[in-house]
Amino acid sequence: MLDGISSRLGESCDLGRYFTSLYIFLGLLGTFWGLLGTINAVSDVIKNLSVSGTDVAAMFDELKLGLEAQLSGMDAAFSSSLFGLAGSLILGSLICNLARRKKRSSTILKNGYRGSPVCRRGLL
């Protein structure tokens, strides 16, 4: 009976570890997706930059405006990584806490059943 309870709790810990890794993966995927979009957009800004005029200040202002719009989207790319890492840390600490409680409960149950007649017969 105790082995069945222990195996069920172990399965829930394995699922939690899977989700911890999944959070990190999705965060990194979001970061690379956002960076890819930003790099393409910056490339387009540079391609569309007109250098035919002699007014360097106007050209520089055009470049700043184009890059500012594109680089402002990078916060979403990096925030996905931060959310993934934060979710992973929170879930990881919950898993560690669950493992400690599982071990403590299992020890208490095993020590509590040692003196019972059911345990002496080998049923547990």
C-alpha atoms as a PDB file:
ATOM      1  CA  MET A   1       0.000   0.000   0.000  1.00  0.00           C
ATOM      2  CA  LEU A   2       2.773   2.424   0.910  1.00  0.00           C
ATOM      3  CA  ASP A   3       4.662   1.533  -2.252  1.00  0.00           C
ATOM      4  CA  GLY A   4       1.629   2.457  -4.362  1.00  0.00           C
ATOM      5  CA  ILE A   5       1.329   5.842  -2.684  1.00  0.00           C
ATOM      6  CA  SER A   6       5.054   6.430  -3.067  1.00  0.00           C
ATOM      7  CA  SER A   7       5.012   5.567  -6.780  1.00  0.00           C
ATOM      8  CA  ARG A   8       2.054   7.907  -7.423  1.00  0.00           C
ATOM      9  CA  LEU A   9       3.860  10.765  -5.723  1.00  0.00           C
ATOM     10  CA  GLY A  10       6.991   9.960  -7.711  1.00  0.00           C
ATOM     11  CA  GLU A  11       5.038  10.164 -10.970  1.00  0.00           C
ATOM     12  CA  SER A  12       3.736  13.620 -10.058  1.00  0.00           C
ATOM     13  CA  CYS A  13       7.314  14.760  -9.384  1.00  0.00           C
ATOM     14  CA  ASP A  14       8.383  13.496 -12.813  1.00  0.00           C
ATOM     15  CA  LEU A  15       5.585  15.464 -14.449  1.00  0.00           C
ATOM     16  CA  GLY A  16       6.637  18.552 -12.519  1.00  0.00           C
ATOM     17  CA  ARG A  17      10.224  18.183 -13.708  1.00  0.00           C
ATOM     18  CA  TYR A  18       8.935  17.886 -17.268  1.00  0.00           C
ATOM     19  CA  PHE A  19       6.996  21.143 -16.943  1.00  0.00           C
ATOM     20  CA  THR A  20      10.028  22.839 -15.387  1.00  0.00           C
ATOM     21  CA  SER A  21      12.079  21.992 -18.464  1.00  0.00           C
ATOM     22  CA  LEU A  22       9.186  22.952 -20.722  1.00  0.00           C
ATOM     23  CA  TYR A  23       9.022  26.452 -19.174  1.00  0.00           C
ATOM     24  CA  ILE A  24      12.714  27.004 -19.862  1.00  0.00           C
ATOM     25  CA  PHE A  25      12.376  25.704 -23.420  1.00  0.00           C
ATOM     26  CA  LEU A  26       9.372  27.914 -24.210  1.00  0.00           C
ATOM     27  CA  GLY A  27      11.138  30.942 -22.747  1.00  0.00           C
ATOM     28  CA  LEU A  28      14.184  30.368 -24.918  1.00  0.00           C
ATOM     29  CA  LEU A  29      12.025  29.675 -27.950  1.00  0.00           C
ATOM     30  CA  GLY A  30      10.205  32.974 -27.425  1.00  0.00           C
ATOM     31  CA  THR A  31      13.505  34.797 -27.081  1.00  0.00           C
ATOM     32  CA  PHE A  32      14.930  33.400 -30.293  1.00  0.00           C
ATOM     33  CA  TRP A  33      11.650  34.012 -32.136  1.00  0.00           C
ATOM     34  CA  GLY A  34      11.666  37.651 -31.019  1.00  0.00           C
ATOM     35  CA  LEU A  35      15.336  38.112 -31.876  1.00  0.00           C
ATOM     36  CA  LEU A  36      14.800  36.636 -35.320  1.00  0.00           C
ATOM     37  CA  GLY A  37      11.993  39.097 -35.986  1.00  0.00           C
ATOM     38  CA  THR A  38      14.078  41.983 -34.682  1.00  0.00           C
ATOM     39  CA  ILE A  39      17.083  41.083 -36.826  1.00  0.00           C
ATOM     40  CA  ASN A  40      14.899  40.891 -39.939  1.00  0.00           C
ATOM     41  CA  ALA A  41      13.269  44.229 -39.126  1.00  0.00           C
ATOM     42  CA  VAL A  42      16.620  45.939 -38.480  1.00  0.00           C
ATOM     43  CA  SER A  43      17.858  44.553 -41.779  1.00  0.00           C
ATOM     44  CA  ASP A  44      14.831  46.076 -43.531  1.00  0.00           C
ATOM     45  CA  VAL A  45      15.447  49.447 -41.856  1.00  0.00           C
ATOM     46  CA  ILE A  46      19.050  49.477 -43.027  1.00  0.00           C
ATOM     47  CA  LYS A  47      18.058  48.427 -46.572  1.00  0.00           C
ATOM     48  CA  ASN A  48      15.430  51.177 -46.816  1.00  0.00           C
ATOM     49  CA  LEU A  49      17.769  53.864 -45.510  1.00  0.00           C
ATOM     50  CA  SER A  50      18.320  56.471 -48.197  1.00  0.00           C
ATOM     51  CA  VAL A  51      21.837  57.827 -48.434  1.00  0.00           C
ATOM     52  CA  SER A  52      21.276  59.923 -51.540  1.00  0.00           C
ATOM     53  CA  GLY A  53      20.849  63.207 -49.669  1.00  0.00           C
ATOM     54  CA  THR A  54      23.571  65.286 -48.127  1.00  0.00           C
ATOM     55  CA  ASP A  55      21.699  65.845 -44.867  1.00  0.00           C
ATOM     56  CA  VAL A  56      23.380  63.395 -42.505  1.00  0.00           C
ATOM     57  CA  ALA A  57      21.297  64.499 -39.511  1.00  0.00           C
ATOM     58  CA  ALA A  58      18.026  63.643 -41.291  1.00  0.00           C
ATOM     59  CA  MET A  59      19.417  60.274 -42.334  1.00  0.00           C
ATOM     60  CA  PHE A  60      20.529  59.572 -38.768  1.00  0.00           C
ATOM     61  CA  ASP A  61      17.098  60.572 -37.405  1.00  0.00           C
ATOM     62  CA  GLU A  62      15.440  58.230 -39.907  1.00  0.00           C
ATOM     63  CA  LEU A  63      17.744  55.425 -38.778  1.00  0.00           C
ATOM     64  CA  LYS A  64      17.025  56.132 -35.100  1.00  0.00           C
ATOM     65  CA  LEU A  65      13.260  56.076 -35.629  1.00  0.00           C
ATOM     66  CA  GLY A  66      13.398  52.839 -37.583  1.00  0.00           C
ATOM     67  CA  LEU A  67      15.627  51.099 -35.044  1.00  0.00           C
ATOM     68  CA  GLU A  68      13.698  52.430 -32.060  1.00  0.00           C
ATOM     69  CA  ALA A  69      10.466  50.889 -33.299  1.00  0.00           C
ATOM     70  CA  GLN A  70      12.144  47.549 -33.922  1.00  0.00           C
ATOM     71  CA  LEU A  71      14.234  47.372 -30.772  1.00  0.00           C
ATOM     72  CA  SER A  72      11.256  48.168 -28.555  1.00  0.00           C
ATOM     73  CA  GLY A  73       9.912  44.725 -29.487  1.00  0.00           C
ATOM     74  CA  MET A  74      12.955  43.041 -27.989  1.00  0.00           C
ATOM     75  CA  ASP A  75      11.551  43.475 -24.476  1.00  0.00           C
ATOM     76  CA  ALA A  76       8.879  40.924 -25.358  1.00  0.00           C
ATOM     77  CA  ALA A  77      11.565  38.536 -26.557  1.00  0.00           C
ATOM     78  CA  PHE A  78      13.563  38.733 -23.364  1.00  0.00           C
ATOM     79  CA  SER A  79      10.529  38.845 -21.078  1.00  0.00           C
ATOM     80  CA  SER A  80       9.504  35.429 -22.403  1.00  0.00           C
ATOM     81  CA  SER A  81      12.849  34.087 -21.188  1.00  0.00           C
ATOM     82  CA  LEU A  82      12.403  35.719 -17.807  1.00  0.00           C
ATOM     83  CA  PHE A  83       8.893  34.328 -17.433  1.00  0.00           C
ATOM     84  CA  GLY A  84      10.132  30.877 -18.415  1.00  0.00           C
ATOM     85  CA  LEU A  85      12.963  30.995 -15.891  1.00  0.00           C
ATOM     86  CA  ALA A  86      10.722  32.387 -13.146  1.00  0.00           C
ATOM     87  CA  GLY A  87       8.116  29.690 -13.765  1.00  0.00           C
ATOM     88  CA  SER A  88      10.836  27.068 -13.744  1.00  0.00           C
ATOM     89  CA  LEU A  89      12.257  28.336 -10.438  1.00  0.00           C
ATOM     90  CA  ILE A  90       8.842  28.469  -8.775  1.00  0.00           C
ATOM     91  CA  LEU A  91       7.851  25.030  -9.990  1.00  0.00           C
ATOM     92  CA  GLY A  92      11.267  23.625  -9.080  1.00  0.00           C
ATOM     93  CA  SER A  93      10.989  24.900  -5.513  1.00  0.00           C
ATOM     94  CA  LEU A  94       7.502  23.422  -5.233  1.00  0.00           C
ATOM     95  CA  ILE A  95       8.832  20.069  -6.456  1.00  0.00           C
ATOM     96  CA  CYS A  96      11.658  20.132  -3.891  1.00  0.00           C
ATOM     97  CA  ASN A  97       9.164  20.966  -1.153  1.00  0.00           C
ATOM     98  CA  LEU A  98       6.885  18.144  -2.303  1.00  0.00           C
ATOM     99  CA  ALA A  99       9.794  15.675  -2.332  1.00  0.00           C
ATOM    100  CA  ARG A 100      10.754  16.627   1.233  1.00  0.00           C
ATOM    101  CA  ARG A 101       7.166  16.256   2.426  1.00  0.00           C
ATOM    102  CA  LYS A 102       6.832  12.945   0.602  1.00  0.00           C
ATOM    103  CA  LYS A 103       9.941  11.598   2.281  1.00  0.00           C
ATOM    104  CA  ARG A 104       8.815  12.805   5.704  1.00  0.00           C
ATOM    105  CA  SER A 105       5.294  11.377   5.281  1.00  0.00           C
ATOM    106  CA  SER A 106       6.647   8.075   4.034  1.00  0.00           C
ATOM    107  CA  THR A 107       8.959   7.800   7.052  1.00  0.00           C
ATOM    108  CA  ILE A 108       6.141   8.613   9.458  1.00  0.00           C
ATOM    109  CA  LEU A 109       3.811   6.082   7.826  1.00  0.00           C
ATOM    110  CA  LYS A 110       6.424   3.318   7.808  1.00  0.00           C
ATOM    111  CA  ASN A 111       7.396   3.946  11.427  1.00  0.00           C
ATOM    112  CA  GLY A 112       3.761   4.140  12.464  1.00  0.00           C
ATOM    113  CA  TYR A 113       2.836   0.821  10.857  1.00  0.00           C
ATOM    114  CA  ARG A 114       5.763  -1.196  12.227  1.00  0.00           C
ATOM    115  CA  GLY A 115       4.001  -2.102  15.421  1.00  0.00           C
ATOM    116  CA  SER A 116       0.660  -2.953  13.829  1.00  0.00           C
ATOM    117  CA  PRO A 117      -0.462  -6.582  13.347  1.00  0.00           C
ATOM    118  CA  VAL A 118      -1.054  -5.974   9.633  1.00  0.00           C
ATOM    119  CA  CYS A 119       2.603  -5.067   9.136  1.00  0.00           C
ATOM    120  CA  ARG A 120       3.826  -8.129  11.071  1.00  0.00           C
ATOM    121  CA  ARG A 121       1.946 -10.425   8.687  1.00  0.00           C
ATOM    122  CA  GLY A 122       3.715  -8.860   5.705  1.00  0.00           C
ATOM    123  CA  LEU A 123       0.655  -7.229   4.153  1.00  0.00           C
ATOM    124  CA  LEU A 124       2.285  -3.780   4.019  1.00  0.00           C
END
